[in-house]
Amino acid sequence: MARLIAEQGGPLPLDHDPAANRPSDVYGALLRAITGQQLSVRAAQAIYGRLLERFGGRTPTPDELLADDPEDLRTAAGLSHAKVRSLRSLAEHVVAGELELDRLAALDDGEVTRTLTAVKGIGEWTADMFLMFTLRRPDVLAVGDQGIRNAVKRAYGLTSAPDPAALTELAEPWRPYRTRACLYLWRSLGNEPLADPVRPPAAPRPARP
């Protein structure tokens, strides 16, 4: 890790994370996370952009999203059926008061993960990304991200990418700054933090130009 830090030129602030242009509002951040699952950065940005265009260039409210025709929304934004269901599940949880977005910042990391993963289509990977890049939590280890695991394999000269348990053990010395360690590892591969929070993570993709 010391070598990676030296190669990357010193500390990487979370304000300069590898996934730029994230929405500043919590609900928008979750919408973007769902629409971007298992996609390249460019494709994710394009689909999220089309979603916003459908609602006048802004993040739709939960009520607006639920009032939209699911099939029309899917076609207009280029979403899969599963992602439309996930977006609607998120909106339903917010409308029903089951997901109180304004309380998330007051919860600890584990509570945030448990709260978010109760929404259909949000898994631990998405919760980790939300903790890192929306709530700016400093000690998050994205054990489900294949890019992180591949970077650890290369940096530590392992014969195979570590599984989540092995990665957790290896990363103990990184506490309480495991989020920054993940930034260095992503940067070492030139990759974005992309994976599917429901299915096994995809292979890492090239960084955007």
C-alpha atoms as a PDB file:
ATOM      1  CA  MET A   1       0.000   0.000   0.000  1.00  0.00           C
ATOM      2  CA  ALA A   2       2.888   2.389   0.700  1.00  0.00           C
ATOM      3  CA  ARG A   3       4.144   1.760  -2.827  1.00  0.00           C
ATOM      4  CA  LEU A   4       0.700   2.486  -4.295  1.00  0.00           C
ATOM      5  CA  ILE A   5       0.446   5.710  -2.313  1.00  0.00           C
ATOM      6  CA  ALA A   6       3.845   6.808  -3.575  1.00  0.00           C
ATOM      7  CA  GLU A   7       2.910   5.938  -7.159  1.00  0.00           C
ATOM      8  CA  GLN A   8      -0.386   7.816  -6.945  1.00  0.00           C
ATOM      9  CA  GLY A   9       1.278  10.960  -5.633  1.00  0.00           C
ATOM     10  CA  GLY A  10       0.084  11.134  -2.050  1.00  0.00           C
ATOM     11  CA  PRO A  11      -3.335  11.262  -0.370  1.00  0.00           C
ATOM     12  CA  LEU A  12      -6.443  10.991  -2.543  1.00  0.00           C
ATOM     13  CA  PRO A  13      -9.260  13.123  -1.095  1.00  0.00           C
ATOM     14  CA  LEU A  14     -12.764  11.711  -1.395  1.00  0.00           C
ATOM     15  CA  ASP A  15     -13.787  14.893  -3.183  1.00  0.00           C
ATOM     16  CA  HIS A  16     -11.679  13.615  -6.094  1.00  0.00           C
ATOM     17  CA  ASP A  17     -13.159  10.148  -6.220  1.00  0.00           C
ATOM     18  CA  PRO A  18     -12.980   8.089  -9.433  1.00  0.00           C
ATOM     19  CA  ALA A  19     -16.693   8.431 -10.220  1.00  0.00           C
ATOM     20  CA  ALA A  20     -17.277  12.082 -10.977  1.00  0.00           C
ATOM     21  CA  ASN A  21     -20.536  13.966 -11.492  1.00  0.00           C
ATOM     22  CA  ARG A  22     -22.471  12.173  -8.800  1.00  0.00           C
ATOM     23  CA  PRO A  23     -25.805  13.756  -7.783  1.00  0.00           C
ATOM     24  CA  SER A  24     -25.592  15.857  -4.641  1.00  0.00           C
ATOM     25  CA  ASP A  25     -28.989  14.747  -3.287  1.00  0.00           C
ATOM     26  CA  VAL A  26     -29.353  11.394  -1.544  1.00  0.00           C
ATOM     27  CA  TYR A  27     -32.322  10.198  -3.581  1.00  0.00           C
ATOM     28  CA  GLY A  28     -30.623  11.129  -6.846  1.00  0.00           C
ATOM     29  CA  ALA A  29     -27.469   9.307  -5.756  1.00  0.00           C
ATOM     30  CA  LEU A  30     -29.455   6.125  -5.157  1.00  0.00           C
ATOM     31  CA  LEU A  31     -31.275   6.439  -8.482  1.00  0.00           C
ATOM     32  CA  ARG A  32     -27.952   6.827 -10.240  1.00  0.00           C
ATOM     33  CA  ALA A  33     -26.473   3.862  -8.382  1.00  0.00           C
ATOM     34  CA  ILE A  34     -29.325   1.610  -9.496  1.00  0.00           C
ATOM     35  CA  THR A  35     -29.291   2.771 -13.112  1.00  0.00           C
ATOM     36  CA  GLY A  36     -25.519   2.351 -13.313  1.00  0.00           C
ATOM     37  CA  GLN A  37     -25.241  -1.205 -12.010  1.00  0.00           C
ATOM     38  CA  GLN A  38     -23.193  -3.525 -14.235  1.00  0.00           C
ATOM     39  CA  LEU A  39     -22.475  -0.801 -16.795  1.00  0.00           C
ATOM     40  CA  SER A  40     -19.458   1.141 -17.966  1.00  0.00           C
ATOM     41  CA  VAL A  41     -19.200   4.698 -16.697  1.00  0.00           C
ATOM     42  CA  ARG A  42     -20.122   6.110 -20.094  1.00  0.00           C
ATOM     43  CA  ALA A  43     -23.207   3.912 -20.470  1.00  0.00           C
ATOM     44  CA  ALA A  44     -24.316   4.613 -16.897  1.00  0.00           C
ATOM     45  CA  GLN A  45     -24.028   8.365 -17.405  1.00  0.00           C
ATOM     46  CA  ALA A  46     -25.969   8.175 -20.671  1.00  0.00           C
ATOM     47  CA  ILE A  47     -28.829   6.193 -19.157  1.00  0.00           C
ATOM     48  CA  TYR A  48     -29.021   8.360 -16.065  1.00  0.00           C
ATOM     49  CA  GLY A  49     -28.998  11.425 -18.314  1.00  0.00           C
ATOM     50  CA  ARG A  50     -31.948  10.070 -20.299  1.00  0.00           C
ATOM     51  CA  LEU A  51     -33.778   9.362 -17.052  1.00  0.00           C
ATOM     52  CA  LEU A  52     -33.321  12.980 -15.971  1.00  0.00           C
ATOM     53  CA  GLU A  53     -34.339  14.270 -19.416  1.00  0.00           C
ATOM     54  CA  ARG A  54     -37.649  12.456 -19.072  1.00  0.00           C
ATOM     55  CA  PHE A  55     -38.366  14.615 -16.028  1.00  0.00           C
ATOM     56  CA  GLY A  56     -37.249  17.954 -17.378  1.00  0.00           C
ATOM     57  CA  GLY A  57     -33.552  17.534 -16.626  1.00  0.00           C
ATOM     58  CA  ARG A  58     -33.952  16.980 -12.895  1.00  0.00           C
ATOM     59  CA  THR A  59     -34.214  14.084 -10.470  1.00  0.00           C
ATOM     60  CA  PRO A  60     -37.818  12.845 -10.383  1.00  0.00           C
ATOM     61  CA  THR A  61     -39.537  12.701  -7.033  1.00  0.00           C
ATOM     62  CA  PRO A  62     -40.606   9.259  -5.819  1.00  0.00           C
ATOM     63  CA  ASP A  63     -44.240  10.122  -6.582  1.00  0.00           C
ATOM     64  CA  GLU A  64     -43.356  11.245 -10.106  1.00  0.00           C
ATOM     65  CA  LEU A  65     -41.427   8.073 -10.802  1.00  0.00           C
ATOM     66  CA  LEU A  66     -44.261   5.870  -9.540  1.00  0.00           C
ATOM     67  CA  ALA A  67     -46.801   7.808 -11.614  1.00  0.00           C
ATOM     68  CA  ASP A  68     -44.814   7.184 -14.797  1.00  0.00           C
ATOM     69  CA  ASP A  69     -45.670   4.193 -16.974  1.00  0.00           C
ATOM     70  CA  PRO A  70     -42.995   1.557 -16.215  1.00  0.00           C
ATOM     71  CA  GLU A  71     -42.675   0.381 -19.808  1.00  0.00           C
ATOM     72  CA  ASP A  72     -42.504   3.913 -21.192  1.00  0.00           C
ATOM     73  CA  LEU A  73     -39.856   4.778 -18.608  1.00  0.00           C
ATOM     74  CA  ARG A  74     -37.863   1.676 -19.470  1.00  0.00           C
ATOM     75  CA  THR A  75     -37.904   2.432 -23.185  1.00  0.00           C
ATOM     76  CA  ALA A  76     -37.171   6.137 -22.876  1.00  0.00           C
ATOM     77  CA  ALA A  77     -34.192   5.739 -20.560  1.00  0.00           C
ATOM     78  CA  GLY A  78     -32.861   2.450 -21.931  1.00  0.00           C
ATOM     79  CA  LEU A  79     -33.333   0.616 -18.651  1.00  0.00           C
ATOM     80  CA  SER A  80     -33.778  -3.094 -18.094  1.00  0.00           C
ATOM     81  CA  HIS A  81     -37.006  -4.460 -16.635  1.00  0.00           C
ATOM     82  CA  ALA A  82     -35.119  -5.358 -13.443  1.00  0.00           C
ATOM     83  CA  LYS A  83     -33.789  -1.827 -13.005  1.00  0.00           C
ATOM     84  CA  VAL A  84     -37.233  -0.307 -13.495  1.00  0.00           C
ATOM     85  CA  ARG A  85     -38.535  -2.613 -10.771  1.00  0.00           C
ATOM     86  CA  SER A  86     -35.648  -1.553  -8.530  1.00  0.00           C
ATOM     87  CA  LEU A  87     -36.261   2.152  -9.141  1.00  0.00           C
ATOM     88  CA  ARG A  88     -39.917   1.696  -8.328  1.00  0.00           C
ATOM     89  CA  SER A  89     -39.058  -0.297  -5.202  1.00  0.00           C
ATOM     90  CA  LEU A  90     -36.823   2.548  -4.032  1.00  0.00           C
ATOM     91  CA  ALA A  91     -39.597   5.085  -4.646  1.00  0.00           C
ATOM     92  CA  GLU A  92     -42.151   2.886  -2.880  1.00  0.00           C
ATOM     93  CA  HIS A  93     -39.916   2.560   0.185  1.00  0.00           C
ATOM     94  CA  VAL A  94     -39.477   6.334   0.347  1.00  0.00           C
ATOM     95  CA  VAL A  95     -43.189   7.102  -0.142  1.00  0.00           C
ATOM     96  CA  ALA A  96     -44.183   4.522   2.481  1.00  0.00           C
ATOM     97  CA  GLY A  97     -41.730   5.995   4.978  1.00  0.00           C
ATOM     98  CA  GLU A  98     -39.791   2.743   5.146  1.00  0.00           C
ATOM     99  CA  LEU A  99     -36.657   4.487   3.884  1.00  0.00           C
ATOM    100  CA  GLU A 100     -36.078   7.838   5.593  1.00  0.00           C
ATOM    101  CA  LEU A 101     -33.408   9.420   3.435  1.00  0.00           C
ATOM    102  CA  ASP A 102     -32.759  12.339   5.771  1.00  0.00           C
ATOM    103  CA  ARG A 103     -31.838   9.912   8.573  1.00  0.00           C
ATOM    104  CA  LEU A 104     -29.207   7.927   6.674  1.00  0.00           C
ATOM    105  CA  ALA A 105     -26.371  10.304   7.516  1.00  0.00           C
ATOM    106  CA  ALA A 106     -27.042   9.791  11.232  1.00  0.00           C
ATOM    107  CA  LEU A 107     -26.764   5.988  11.009  1.00  0.00           C
ATOM    108  CA  ASP A 108     -23.572   4.009  11.378  1.00  0.00           C
ATOM    109  CA  ASP A 109     -22.190   2.153   8.365  1.00  0.00           C
ATOM    110  CA  GLY A 110     -23.806  -1.167   9.210  1.00  0.00           C
ATOM    111  CA  GLU A 111     -27.206   0.416   9.779  1.00  0.00           C
ATOM    112  CA  VAL A 112     -26.995   2.266   6.446  1.00  0.00           C
ATOM    113  CA  THR A 113     -26.210  -1.001   4.665  1.00  0.00           C
ATOM    114  CA  ARG A 114     -29.078  -2.864   6.339  1.00  0.00           C
ATOM    115  CA  THR A 115     -31.496  -0.032   5.556  1.00  0.00           C
ATOM    116  CA  LEU A 116     -30.539   0.255   1.891  1.00  0.00           C
ATOM    117  CA  THR A 117     -30.395  -3.459   1.143  1.00  0.00           C
ATOM    118  CA  ALA A 118     -34.025  -3.779   2.222  1.00  0.00           C
ATOM    119  CA  VAL A 119     -34.823  -2.115  -1.117  1.00  0.00           C
ATOM    120  CA  LYS A 120     -35.182  -4.527  -4.027  1.00  0.00           C
ATOM    121  CA  GLY A 121     -32.175  -4.210  -6.320  1.00  0.00           C
ATOM    122  CA  ILE A 122     -29.841  -2.554  -3.812  1.00  0.00           C
ATOM    123  CA  GLY A 123     -27.120  -4.868  -2.575  1.00  0.00           C
ATOM    124  CA  GLU A 124     -24.021  -4.481  -0.463  1.00  0.00           C
ATOM    125  CA  TRP A 125     -21.894  -3.188  -3.343  1.00  0.00           C
ATOM    126  CA  THR A 126     -24.274  -0.277  -3.959  1.00  0.00           C
ATOM    127  CA  ALA A 127     -24.460   0.383  -0.225  1.00  0.00           C
ATOM    128  CA  ASP A 128     -20.655   0.489  -0.072  1.00  0.00           C
ATOM    129  CA  MET A 129     -20.493   2.969  -2.959  1.00  0.00           C
ATOM    130  CA  PHE A 130     -23.161   5.108  -1.292  1.00  0.00           C
ATOM    131  CA  LEU A 131     -21.243   5.078   1.993  1.00  0.00           C
ATOM    132  CA  MET A 132     -18.004   6.007   0.258  1.00  0.00           C
ATOM    133  CA  PHE A 133     -19.056   8.626  -2.236  1.00  0.00           C
ATOM    134  CA  THR A 134     -22.327  10.089  -0.950  1.00  0.00           C
ATOM    135  CA  LEU A 135     -21.902   9.937   2.828  1.00  0.00           C
ATOM    136  CA  ARG A 136     -18.080  10.205   2.559  1.00  0.00           C
ATOM    137  CA  ARG A 137     -17.474   7.517   5.164  1.00  0.00           C
ATOM    138  CA  PRO A 138     -13.715   6.992   5.616  1.00  0.00           C
ATOM    139  CA  ASP A 139     -13.511   3.320   6.568  1.00  0.00           C
ATOM    140  CA  VAL A 140     -15.453   1.307   3.978  1.00  0.00           C
ATOM    141  CA  LEU A 141     -13.981  -1.787   2.343  1.00  0.00           C
ATOM    142  CA  ALA A 142     -15.735  -2.770  -0.879  1.00  0.00           C
ATOM    143  CA  VAL A 143     -15.155  -6.512  -0.605  1.00  0.00           C
ATOM    144  CA  GLY A 144     -17.675  -7.223  -3.374  1.00  0.00           C
ATOM    145  CA  ASP A 145     -15.892  -5.105  -5.977  1.00  0.00           C
ATOM    146  CA  GLN A 146     -13.959  -7.255  -8.441  1.00  0.00           C
ATOM    147  CA  GLY A 147     -11.690  -4.353  -9.331  1.00  0.00           C
ATOM    148  CA  ILE A 148     -10.542  -4.034  -5.718  1.00  0.00           C
ATOM    149  CA  ARG A 149      -9.910  -7.769  -5.488  1.00  0.00           C
ATOM    150  CA  ASN A 150      -7.963  -7.814  -8.753  1.00  0.00           C
ATOM    151  CA  ALA A 151      -5.912  -4.816  -7.658  1.00  0.00           C
ATOM    152  CA  VAL A 152      -5.045  -6.530  -4.373  1.00  0.00           C
ATOM    153  CA  LYS A 153      -4.037  -9.665  -6.258  1.00  0.00           C
ATOM    154  CA  ARG A 154      -1.644  -7.659  -8.428  1.00  0.00           C
ATOM    155  CA  ALA A 155      -0.300  -5.356  -5.709  1.00  0.00           C
ATOM    156  CA  TYR A 156       0.358  -8.166  -3.241  1.00  0.00           C
ATOM    157  CA  GLY A 157       1.548 -10.758  -5.749  1.00  0.00           C
ATOM    158  CA  LEU A 158      -1.216 -13.254  -4.981  1.00  0.00           C
ATOM    159  CA  THR A 159      -1.971 -16.247  -7.201  1.00  0.00           C
ATOM    160  CA  SER A 160      -5.681 -15.420  -7.262  1.00  0.00           C
ATOM    161  CA  ALA A 161      -7.998 -12.595  -6.277  1.00  0.00           C
ATOM    162  CA  PRO A 162      -8.862 -12.824  -2.562  1.00  0.00           C
ATOM    163  CA  ASP A 163     -12.380 -13.747  -1.531  1.00  0.00           C
ATOM    164  CA  PRO A 164     -14.264 -11.301   0.744  1.00  0.00           C
ATOM    165  CA  ALA A 165     -13.089 -12.989   3.948  1.00  0.00           C
ATOM    166  CA  ALA A 166      -9.441 -13.033   2.890  1.00  0.00           C
ATOM    167  CA  LEU A 167      -9.638  -9.434   1.671  1.00  0.00           C
ATOM    168  CA  THR A 168     -11.167  -8.318   4.968  1.00  0.00           C
ATOM    169  CA  GLU A 169      -8.324  -9.949   6.894  1.00  0.00           C
ATOM    170  CA  LEU A 170      -5.642  -8.538   4.611  1.00  0.00           C
ATOM    171  CA  ALA A 171      -7.131  -5.039   4.892  1.00  0.00           C
ATOM    172  CA  GLU A 172      -7.142  -4.885   8.699  1.00  0.00           C
ATOM    173  CA  PRO A 173      -3.988  -2.707   8.788  1.00  0.00           C
ATOM    174  CA  TRP A 174      -5.735  -0.165   6.567  1.00  0.00           C
ATOM    175  CA  ARG A 175      -8.242   0.778   9.276  1.00  0.00           C
ATOM    176  CA  PRO A 176      -9.586   3.406   9.792  1.00  0.00           C
ATOM    177  CA  TYR A 177      -8.898   4.581   6.216  1.00  0.00           C
ATOM    178  CA  ARG A 178     -10.042   1.655   4.103  1.00  0.00           C
ATOM    179  CA  THR A 179     -12.035   3.919   1.791  1.00  0.00           C
ATOM    180  CA  ARG A 180      -8.855   5.694   0.744  1.00  0.00           C
ATOM    181  CA  ALA A 181      -7.109   2.359   0.336  1.00  0.00           C
ATOM    182  CA  CYS A 182      -9.853   1.392  -2.123  1.00  0.00           C
ATOM    183  CA  LEU A 183      -9.242   4.616  -4.043  1.00  0.00           C
ATOM    184  CA  TYR A 184      -5.574   3.763  -4.401  1.00  0.00           C
ATOM    185  CA  LEU A 185      -6.386   0.241  -5.518  1.00  0.00           C
ATOM    186  CA  TRP A 186      -8.882   1.432  -8.151  1.00  0.00           C
ATOM    187  CA  ARG A 187      -6.402   4.004  -9.379  1.00  0.00           C
ATOM    188  CA  SER A 188      -3.684   1.338  -9.637  1.00  0.00           C
ATOM    189  CA  LEU A 189      -5.772  -0.471 -12.249  1.00  0.00           C
ATOM    190  CA  GLY A 190      -7.012   2.674 -13.944  1.00  0.00           C
ATOM    191  CA  ASN A 191     -10.566   1.424 -13.338  1.00  0.00           C
ATOM    192  CA  GLU A 192     -13.857   2.736 -12.069  1.00  0.00           C
ATOM    193  CA  PRO A 193     -15.608   1.100  -9.099  1.00  0.00           C
ATOM    194  CA  LEU A 194     -18.141  -0.825 -11.182  1.00  0.00           C
ATOM    195  CA  ALA A 195     -19.907  -4.034 -10.253  1.00  0.00           C
ATOM    196  CA  ASP A 196     -23.370  -5.476  -9.808  1.00  0.00           C
ATOM    197  CA  PRO A 197     -24.610  -5.316  -6.189  1.00  0.00           C
ATOM    198  CA  VAL A 198     -26.955  -8.264  -6.733  1.00  0.00           C
ATOM    199  CA  ARG A 199     -25.108 -10.680  -9.005  1.00  0.00           C
ATOM    200  CA  PRO A 200     -21.370 -11.483  -8.759  1.00  0.00           C
ATOM    201  CA  PRO A 201     -19.266  -8.461  -9.770  1.00  0.00           C
ATOM    202  CA  ALA A 202     -18.255  -8.097 -13.379  1.00  0.00           C
ATOM    203  CA  ALA A 203     -14.675  -7.954 -14.557  1.00  0.00           C
ATOM    204  CA  PRO A 204     -13.124  -4.475 -14.206  1.00  0.00           C
ATOM    205  CA  ARG A 205     -13.668  -2.064 -17.056  1.00  0.00           C
ATOM    206  CA  PRO A 206     -11.267   0.507 -18.526  1.00  0.00           C
ATOM    207  CA  ALA A 207     -11.275   3.963 -16.998  1.00  0.00           C
ATOM    208  CA  ARG A 208     -13.018   6.626 -19.001  1.00  0.00           C
ATOM    209  CA  PRO A 209     -10.783   8.719 -21.276  1.00  0.00           C
END
